[in-house]
């Protein structure tokens, strides 16, 4: 009984239409699962340094959710295709249940992405200001030091805008007593150094105060905020986008389940 006996004679035409529609939907879900997986891996592999400055787990948590969900969705799509082609009711039921669970998981991941996007502006500035004071040029393996160096090199920025310093964000490094022991000093980390016309890193740490033409002059807060909010939108958009096809998959799998005798 669980295997079914095929489509009824009166509903054969409608059943075939539902079956092939489910097959096509599952192919789209499969592609969506690959996209979800790719976006999650990209977030972890390429931009995890931002999370260390934010000290907020929502950004990376949503990426982990997408990676796990993407792997499971790829497997589920094969289950749905096989169940539809073979008209096996127990497989269609299993497919429906797992698809519903993944639908809920993706919604959670999407919501986390958008919640993070709305929270990030309030959290980013105070956290960056705090961590800039903890930066230790003598300990390059320190997580905060690594995070700042990666952020400045990858986003091509230096420091962050503060009150009365918005036009010169590099001056925020004056708050770090390890780099600038006295109020007269004006040094920056080596990660602020620009590349010359030949792609070589300039030496911007030999002069005190620093020669500003040798350093990035973009605000790391502004550039980081733009990146994080845009990336969070991608995370949420991918999660909600694939959820739409999963709803269609559930509808067609239920319809085919009812049509099989």
Protein backbone atom coordinates (compact mmCIF):
# COMPACT_ATOMS: atom_id res chain seq x y z
CA UNK A 1 0.00 0.00 0.00
CA UNK A 2 2.87 2.32 0.86
CA UNK A 3 4.37 1.75 -2.60
CA UNK A 4 1.18 2.70 -4.39
CA UNK A 5 -0.27 1.18 -7.55
CA UNK A 6 0.31 4.03 -9.96
CA UNK A 7 -2.03 6.78 -11.15
CA UNK A 8 -5.71 6.20 -11.61
CA UNK A 9 -6.99 5.93 -15.18
CA UNK A 10 -9.25 8.99 -14.91
CA UNK A 11 -6.47 11.12 -13.45
CA UNK A 12 -3.61 9.81 -15.58
CA UNK A 13 -3.23 12.98 -17.64
CA UNK A 14 -3.43 15.26 -14.60
CA UNK A 15 -1.15 12.91 -12.66
CA UNK A 16 1.53 12.98 -15.35
CA UNK A 17 1.38 16.77 -15.40
CA UNK A 18 1.80 16.90 -11.60
CA UNK A 19 4.59 14.33 -11.72
CA UNK A 20 6.64 16.22 -14.33
CA UNK A 21 5.96 19.51 -12.60
CA UNK A 22 7.33 18.03 -9.38
CA UNK A 23 10.36 16.73 -11.28
CA UNK A 24 11.07 20.20 -12.70
CA UNK A 25 10.51 21.87 -9.32
CA UNK A 26 12.98 19.44 -7.75
CA UNK A 27 15.58 20.29 -10.36
CA UNK A 28 15.17 23.97 -9.43
CA UNK A 29 15.36 23.07 -5.74
CA UNK A 30 18.57 21.14 -6.47
CA UNK A 31 20.09 24.19 -8.16
CA UNK A 32 18.88 26.36 -5.30
CA UNK A 33 20.49 24.02 -2.80
CA UNK A 34 23.82 24.39 -4.60
CA UNK A 35 23.46 28.18 -4.51
CA UNK A 36 22.60 28.10 -0.80
CA UNK A 37 25.63 25.90 -0.13
CA UNK A 38 27.94 28.13 -2.19
CA UNK A 39 26.81 31.35 -0.49
CA UNK A 40 27.28 29.82 2.95
CA UNK A 41 30.78 28.53 2.16
CA UNK A 42 31.75 31.85 0.56
CA UNK A 43 30.69 33.71 3.70
CA UNK A 44 32.74 31.49 6.00
CA UNK A 45 35.81 31.16 3.80
CA UNK A 46 36.16 34.72 2.58
CA UNK A 47 34.60 37.16 5.01
CA UNK A 48 34.64 35.58 8.49
CA UNK A 49 37.07 38.28 9.73
CA UNK A 50 34.20 40.79 9.88
CA UNK A 51 32.44 38.61 12.45
CA UNK A 52 35.41 38.88 14.83
CA UNK A 53 35.16 42.67 14.79
CA UNK A 54 31.39 42.57 15.25
CA UNK A 55 31.46 40.06 18.08
CA UNK A 56 28.04 39.00 16.87
CA UNK A 57 27.26 35.36 16.10
CA UNK A 58 24.21 35.97 13.91
CA UNK A 59 26.23 36.59 10.75
CA UNK A 60 28.22 33.36 10.90
CA UNK A 61 25.33 31.36 12.40
CA UNK A 62 23.17 32.14 9.39
CA UNK A 63 26.03 31.00 7.11
CA UNK A 64 26.34 27.68 8.95
CA UNK A 65 22.59 27.17 8.69
CA UNK A 66 22.74 27.74 4.94
CA UNK A 67 25.62 25.29 4.48
CA UNK A 68 23.86 22.50 6.39
CA UNK A 69 20.53 23.22 4.73
CA UNK A 70 22.12 23.35 1.28
CA UNK A 71 23.66 19.88 1.68
CA UNK A 72 20.39 18.38 2.90
CA UNK A 73 18.35 20.10 0.18
CA UNK A 74 20.54 18.60 -2.55
CA UNK A 75 19.90 15.11 -1.14
CA UNK A 76 16.17 15.76 -0.68
CA UNK A 77 15.81 16.91 -4.29
CA UNK A 78 17.06 13.51 -5.50
CA UNK A 79 14.60 11.79 -3.16
CA UNK A 80 11.75 13.85 -4.57
CA UNK A 81 12.72 13.15 -8.19
CA UNK A 82 12.99 9.42 -7.58
CA UNK A 83 9.71 9.30 -5.67
CA UNK A 84 7.93 11.18 -8.44
CA UNK A 85 9.31 9.06 -11.27
CA UNK A 86 8.63 5.75 -9.48
CA UNK A 87 5.33 6.97 -7.97
CA UNK A 88 6.31 5.67 -4.51
CA UNK A 89 3.98 7.08 -1.87
CA UNK A 90 6.23 6.45 1.14
CA UNK A 91 9.10 8.31 -0.56
CA UNK A 92 6.82 11.20 -1.45
CA UNK A 93 5.65 11.40 2.16
CA UNK A 94 9.24 11.30 3.44
CA UNK A 95 10.18 13.94 0.87
CA UNK A 96 7.32 16.19 1.99
CA UNK A 97 8.29 15.93 5.67
CA UNK A 98 11.99 16.64 5.12
CA UNK A 99 11.21 19.44 2.68
CA UNK A 100 8.95 21.06 5.25
CA UNK A 101 11.66 20.81 7.92
CA UNK A 102 14.23 22.38 5.59
CA UNK A 103 11.71 25.07 4.70
CA UNK A 104 11.48 26.01 8.39
CA UNK A 105 15.28 25.93 8.77
CA UNK A 106 15.80 28.19 5.77
CA UNK A 107 13.21 30.63 7.03
CA UNK A 108 15.09 30.81 10.32
CA UNK A 109 18.36 31.37 8.46
CA UNK A 110 16.76 34.07 6.32
CA UNK A 111 15.25 35.80 9.34
CA UNK A 112 18.60 35.70 11.15
CA UNK A 113 20.21 37.33 8.12
CA UNK A 114 17.72 40.18 8.03
CA UNK A 115 17.70 40.64 11.81
CA UNK A 116 21.48 40.87 11.71
CA UNK A 117 21.25 43.38 8.87
CA UNK A 118 19.07 45.64 11.00
CA UNK A 119 21.22 45.27 14.13
CA UNK A 120 24.63 45.64 12.58
CA UNK A 121 24.74 49.45 12.39
CA UNK A 122 24.08 49.77 16.14
CA UNK A 123 26.66 47.12 17.03
CA UNK A 124 29.45 47.71 14.54
CA UNK A 125 30.68 51.18 15.53
CA UNK A 126 31.10 50.62 19.30
CA UNK A 127 32.65 47.18 18.75
CA UNK A 128 35.13 48.50 16.18
CA UNK A 129 36.04 51.39 18.47
CA UNK A 130 36.63 48.99 21.34
CA UNK A 131 38.71 46.53 19.31
CA UNK A 132 40.85 49.25 17.75
CA UNK A 133 42.13 49.99 21.26
CA UNK A 134 42.91 46.28 21.82
CA UNK A 135 44.89 45.88 18.59
CA UNK A 136 48.36 44.55 19.38
CA UNK A 137 51.00 44.94 16.62
CA UNK A 138 53.36 42.78 18.67
CA UNK A 139 51.02 39.78 18.55
CA UNK A 140 50.00 39.16 14.96
CA UNK A 141 48.22 35.93 15.92
CA UNK A 142 45.79 37.69 18.23
CA UNK A 143 42.22 37.30 16.83
CA UNK A 144 41.46 41.03 17.06
CA UNK A 145 44.77 42.00 15.47
CA UNK A 146 44.23 39.49 12.67
CA UNK A 147 40.66 40.69 12.16
CA UNK A 148 41.70 44.32 11.82
CA UNK A 149 44.59 43.50 9.49
CA UNK A 150 42.38 41.32 7.28
CA UNK A 151 39.64 43.95 7.24
CA UNK A 152 41.96 46.80 6.28
CA UNK A 153 43.78 44.83 3.60
CA UNK A 154 40.68 43.26 2.06
CA UNK A 155 38.40 46.29 2.25
CA UNK A 156 41.28 48.72 1.52
CA UNK A 157 40.48 51.00 4.42
CA UNK A 158 42.26 52.37 7.48
CA UNK A 159 40.75 53.07 10.88
CA UNK A 160 37.28 54.48 11.37
CA UNK A 161 35.58 57.84 11.48
CA UNK A 162 35.12 59.32 14.96
CA UNK A 163 33.73 62.60 16.22
CA UNK A 164 35.61 65.48 14.59
CA UNK A 165 37.72 62.95 12.66
CA UNK A 166 35.31 61.81 9.96
CA UNK A 167 37.53 63.09 7.15
CA UNK A 168 40.61 61.33 8.54
CA UNK A 169 39.57 57.88 9.77
CA UNK A 170 43.21 56.76 10.12
CA UNK A 171 43.53 59.09 13.11
CA UNK A 172 41.39 56.67 15.10
CA UNK A 173 44.59 54.68 15.59
CA UNK A 174 45.73 57.43 17.95
CA UNK A 175 43.48 55.70 20.48
CA UNK A 176 45.84 52.71 20.46
CA UNK A 177 48.67 53.33 22.92
CA UNK A 178 50.74 50.43 21.54
CA UNK A 179 50.98 52.10 18.11
CA UNK A 180 50.91 55.72 19.31
CA UNK A 181 52.35 55.95 22.85
CA UNK A 182 52.08 59.75 22.99
CA UNK A 183 49.58 62.32 21.78
CA UNK A 184 52.17 63.65 19.32
CA UNK A 185 52.48 60.33 17.49
CA UNK A 186 50.55 59.61 14.31
CA UNK A 187 51.27 56.04 13.23
CA UNK A 188 49.07 53.32 11.73
CA UNK A 189 49.37 49.50 11.38
CA UNK A 190 51.18 48.11 8.36
CA UNK A 191 47.85 46.76 7.06
CA UNK A 192 46.88 50.36 6.27
CA UNK A 193 49.64 50.65 3.68
CA UNK A 194 48.48 51.09 0.08
CA UNK A 195 49.81 49.32 -2.98
CA UNK A 196 51.93 51.28 -5.43
CA UNK A 197 51.49 51.32 -9.20
CA UNK A 198 53.44 48.05 -9.45
CA UNK A 199 51.26 46.23 -6.93
CA UNK A 200 53.86 46.39 -4.17
CA UNK A 201 52.96 47.36 -0.60
CA UNK A 202 54.26 50.80 0.32
CA UNK A 203 56.14 51.31 3.57
CA UNK A 204 53.82 53.54 5.55
CA UNK A 205 55.20 52.78 9.02
CA UNK A 206 58.60 54.49 8.79
CA UNK A 207 57.40 58.09 9.17
CA UNK A 208 55.84 59.67 12.24
CA UNK A 209 53.35 61.13 11.59
CA UNK A 210 52.43 58.84 8.72
CA UNK A 211 52.43 60.10 5.12
CA UNK A 212 48.73 59.88 4.29
CA UNK A 213 49.38 59.40 0.56
CA UNK A 214 50.85 55.99 1.45
CA UNK A 215 47.80 54.71 3.34
CA UNK A 216 44.19 53.85 2.60
CA UNK A 217 41.99 56.77 3.52
CA UNK A 218 38.59 55.05 3.42
CA UNK A 219 36.61 54.61 6.63
CA UNK A 220 36.57 50.90 7.65
CA UNK A 221 33.27 51.41 9.47
CA UNK A 222 31.55 52.80 6.39
CA UNK A 223 32.97 50.16 4.07
CA UNK A 224 32.45 47.34 6.56
CA UNK A 225 28.86 48.38 7.22
CA UNK A 226 28.12 48.48 3.49
CA UNK A 227 29.66 45.04 2.99
CA UNK A 228 27.97 43.36 5.94
CA UNK A 229 24.50 44.75 5.23
CA UNK A 230 24.78 43.81 1.57
CA UNK A 231 26.05 40.32 2.38
CA UNK A 232 23.33 39.76 4.97
CA UNK A 233 20.80 40.71 2.30
CA UNK A 234 22.28 38.02 0.03
CA UNK A 235 22.04 35.43 2.80
CA UNK A 236 18.42 36.29 3.55
CA UNK A 237 17.46 36.64 -0.11
CA UNK A 238 18.89 33.23 -1.06
CA UNK A 239 17.13 31.59 1.89
CA UNK A 240 13.75 33.15 1.09
CA UNK A 241 14.17 32.55 -2.65
CA UNK A 242 14.72 28.80 -2.38
CA UNK A 243 11.91 28.62 0.19
CA UNK A 244 9.45 29.63 -2.55
CA UNK A 245 10.39 26.62 -4.67
CA UNK A 246 10.23 24.38 -1.62
CA UNK A 247 6.63 25.43 -1.05
CA UNK A 248 5.82 24.47 -4.64
CA UNK A 249 7.61 21.16 -4.09
CA UNK A 250 5.46 20.43 -1.05
CA UNK A 251 2.27 21.31 -2.93
CA UNK A 252 3.03 19.11 -5.94
CA UNK A 253 4.32 16.21 -3.83
CA UNK A 254 1.12 16.26 -1.77
CA UNK A 255 -1.00 16.42 -4.92
CA UNK A 256 0.85 13.49 -6.48
CA UNK A 257 0.59 11.54 -3.22
CA UNK A 258 -3.21 11.93 -3.32
CA UNK A 259 -3.42 10.95 -7.00
CA UNK A 260 -1.53 7.68 -6.55
CA UNK A 261 -3.95 4.85 -5.78
